[in-house]
Amino acid sequence: MAVTVQLAQALVDSPNRNVNIRLILEGGETVNSLIGEKTVAAWDWIYSEH
């Protein structure tokens, strides 16, 4: 999945706690998912400039 600059910034800015997300697939199907606190914390490291 391609990550745009805007999406990367949103991931970096996410609070370090469990986060509910909704993905909307190309066909219009939605997928709701709970992302764990450690994964959310990793986004900051992965998508920020270091």
N, C-alpha and C. Protein backbone atom coordinates (compact mmCIF):
# COMPACT_ATOMS: atom_id res chain seq x y z
N MET A 1 0.84 -1.17 0.00
CA MET A 1 0.00 0.00 0.00
C MET A 1 0.90 1.24 0.00
N ALA A 2 0.64 2.13 -0.90
CA ALA A 2 1.39 3.39 -0.96
C ALA A 2 0.98 4.29 0.20
N VAL A 3 1.95 4.96 0.78
CA VAL A 3 1.69 5.88 1.88
C VAL A 3 2.01 7.29 1.40
N THR A 4 0.98 8.11 1.33
CA THR A 4 1.17 9.51 0.92
C THR A 4 1.81 10.30 2.06
N VAL A 5 2.30 11.46 1.73
CA VAL A 5 2.87 12.35 2.75
C VAL A 5 1.81 12.68 3.80
N GLN A 6 0.58 12.90 3.37
CA GLN A 6 -0.50 13.24 4.30
C GLN A 6 -0.82 12.08 5.23
N LEU A 7 -0.86 10.86 4.68
CA LEU A 7 -1.13 9.68 5.51
C LEU A 7 0.01 9.46 6.49
N ALA A 8 1.24 9.57 6.03
CA ALA A 8 2.39 9.40 6.92
C ALA A 8 2.33 10.39 8.07
N GLN A 9 1.99 11.63 7.80
CA GLN A 9 1.90 12.64 8.87
C GLN A 9 0.78 12.29 9.84
N ALA A 10 -0.35 11.83 9.33
CA ALA A 10 -1.45 11.43 10.21
C ALA A 10 -1.03 10.27 11.12
N LEU A 11 -0.26 9.33 10.59
CA LEU A 11 0.21 8.20 11.40
C LEU A 11 1.19 8.68 12.47
N VAL A 12 2.09 9.57 12.11
CA VAL A 12 3.05 10.13 13.08
C VAL A 12 2.31 10.88 14.19
N ASP A 13 1.24 11.58 13.84
CA ASP A 13 0.50 12.40 14.80
C ASP A 13 -0.50 11.61 15.64
N SER A 14 -0.67 10.32 15.37
CA SER A 14 -1.63 9.50 16.12
C SER A 14 -1.22 9.40 17.58
N PRO A 15 -2.20 9.41 18.49
CA PRO A 15 -1.88 9.27 19.92
C PRO A 15 -1.33 7.87 20.19
N ASN A 16 -0.41 7.74 21.15
CA ASN A 16 0.18 6.45 21.49
C ASN A 16 -0.76 5.64 22.37
N ARG A 17 -1.79 5.12 21.76
CA ARG A 17 -2.78 4.25 22.41
C ARG A 17 -3.42 3.41 21.32
N ASN A 18 -4.28 2.48 21.68
CA ASN A 18 -5.00 1.70 20.68
C ASN A 18 -5.82 2.65 19.81
N VAL A 19 -5.84 2.40 18.50
CA VAL A 19 -6.54 3.27 17.57
C VAL A 19 -7.45 2.44 16.68
N ASN A 20 -8.71 2.85 16.55
CA ASN A 20 -9.63 2.23 15.60
C ASN A 20 -9.45 2.91 14.26
N ILE A 21 -9.35 2.10 13.20
CA ILE A 21 -9.25 2.66 11.85
C ILE A 21 -10.29 2.02 10.96
N ARG A 22 -10.64 2.71 9.89
CA ARG A 22 -11.54 2.17 8.87
C ARG A 22 -10.85 2.32 7.53
N LEU A 23 -10.65 1.20 6.86
CA LEU A 23 -10.10 1.20 5.52
C LEU A 23 -11.25 1.09 4.54
N ILE A 24 -11.18 1.85 3.47
CA ILE A 24 -12.19 1.76 2.41
C ILE A 24 -11.46 1.26 1.17
N LEU A 25 -11.82 0.07 0.76
CA LEU A 25 -11.16 -0.57 -0.37
C LEU A 25 -11.66 -0.01 -1.69
N GLU A 26 -10.91 -0.26 -2.75
CA GLU A 26 -11.26 0.29 -4.06
C GLU A 26 -12.68 -0.07 -4.48
N GLY A 27 -13.15 -1.24 -4.12
CA GLY A 27 -14.50 -1.66 -4.49
C GLY A 27 -15.58 -1.09 -3.59
N GLY A 28 -15.19 -0.28 -2.59
CA GLY A 28 -16.16 0.35 -1.69
C GLY A 28 -16.36 -0.41 -0.39
N GLU A 29 -15.81 -1.62 -0.28
CA GLU A 29 -15.94 -2.40 0.94
C GLU A 29 -15.17 -1.71 2.06
N THR A 30 -15.72 -1.73 3.28
CA THR A 30 -15.03 -1.14 4.42
C THR A 30 -14.52 -2.24 5.34
N VAL A 31 -13.39 -1.99 5.96
CA VAL A 31 -12.79 -2.90 6.92
C VAL A 31 -12.44 -2.09 8.16
N ASN A 32 -13.05 -2.44 9.28
CA ASN A 32 -12.75 -1.79 10.56
C ASN A 32 -11.73 -2.63 11.30
N SER A 33 -10.76 -1.97 11.92
CA SER A 33 -9.71 -2.71 12.59
C SER A 33 -9.20 -1.92 13.79
N LEU A 34 -8.78 -2.64 14.82
CA LEU A 34 -8.16 -2.04 15.99
C LEU A 34 -6.65 -2.22 15.86
N ILE A 35 -5.92 -1.13 15.92
CA ILE A 35 -4.46 -1.15 15.84
C ILE A 35 -3.91 -0.98 17.25
N GLY A 36 -3.02 -1.88 17.63
CA GLY A 36 -2.48 -1.88 18.99
C GLY A 36 -1.54 -0.72 19.28
N GLU A 37 -1.41 -0.43 20.55
CA GLU A 37 -0.61 0.71 21.03
C GLU A 37 0.84 0.65 20.55
N LYS A 38 1.45 -0.54 20.56
CA LYS A 38 2.85 -0.65 20.14
C LYS A 38 3.01 -0.38 18.65
N THR A 39 2.04 -0.81 17.85
CA THR A 39 2.08 -0.53 16.42
C THR A 39 1.94 0.96 16.17
N VAL A 40 1.02 1.60 16.87
CA VAL A 40 0.82 3.04 16.72
C VAL A 40 2.10 3.79 17.09
N ALA A 41 2.75 3.37 18.19
CA ALA A 41 4.00 4.01 18.60
C ALA A 41 5.08 3.81 17.53
N ALA A 42 5.10 2.67 16.88
CA ALA A 42 6.10 2.40 15.84
C ALA A 42 5.90 3.30 14.62
N TRP A 43 4.68 3.69 14.32
CA TRP A 43 4.42 4.58 13.18
C TRP A 43 5.26 5.85 13.28
N ASP A 44 5.37 6.38 14.50
CA ASP A 44 6.15 7.61 14.68
C ASP A 44 7.58 7.40 14.21
N TRP A 45 8.18 6.27 14.58
CA TRP A 45 9.55 5.99 14.18
C TRP A 45 9.65 5.69 12.69
N ILE A 46 8.71 4.92 12.16
CA ILE A 46 8.76 4.50 10.76
C ILE A 46 8.57 5.67 9.80
N TYR A 47 7.58 6.53 10.09
CA TYR A 47 7.19 7.56 9.13
C TYR A 47 7.76 8.96 9.42
N SER A 48 8.45 9.12 10.55
CA SER A 48 9.06 10.43 10.80
C SER A 48 10.46 10.45 10.21
N GLU A 49 10.95 11.64 9.99
CA GLU A 49 12.31 11.77 9.50
C GLU A 49 13.27 11.57 10.67
N HIS A 50 14.23 10.68 10.51
CA HIS A 50 15.20 10.48 11.58
C HIS A 50 16.58 10.40 11.03
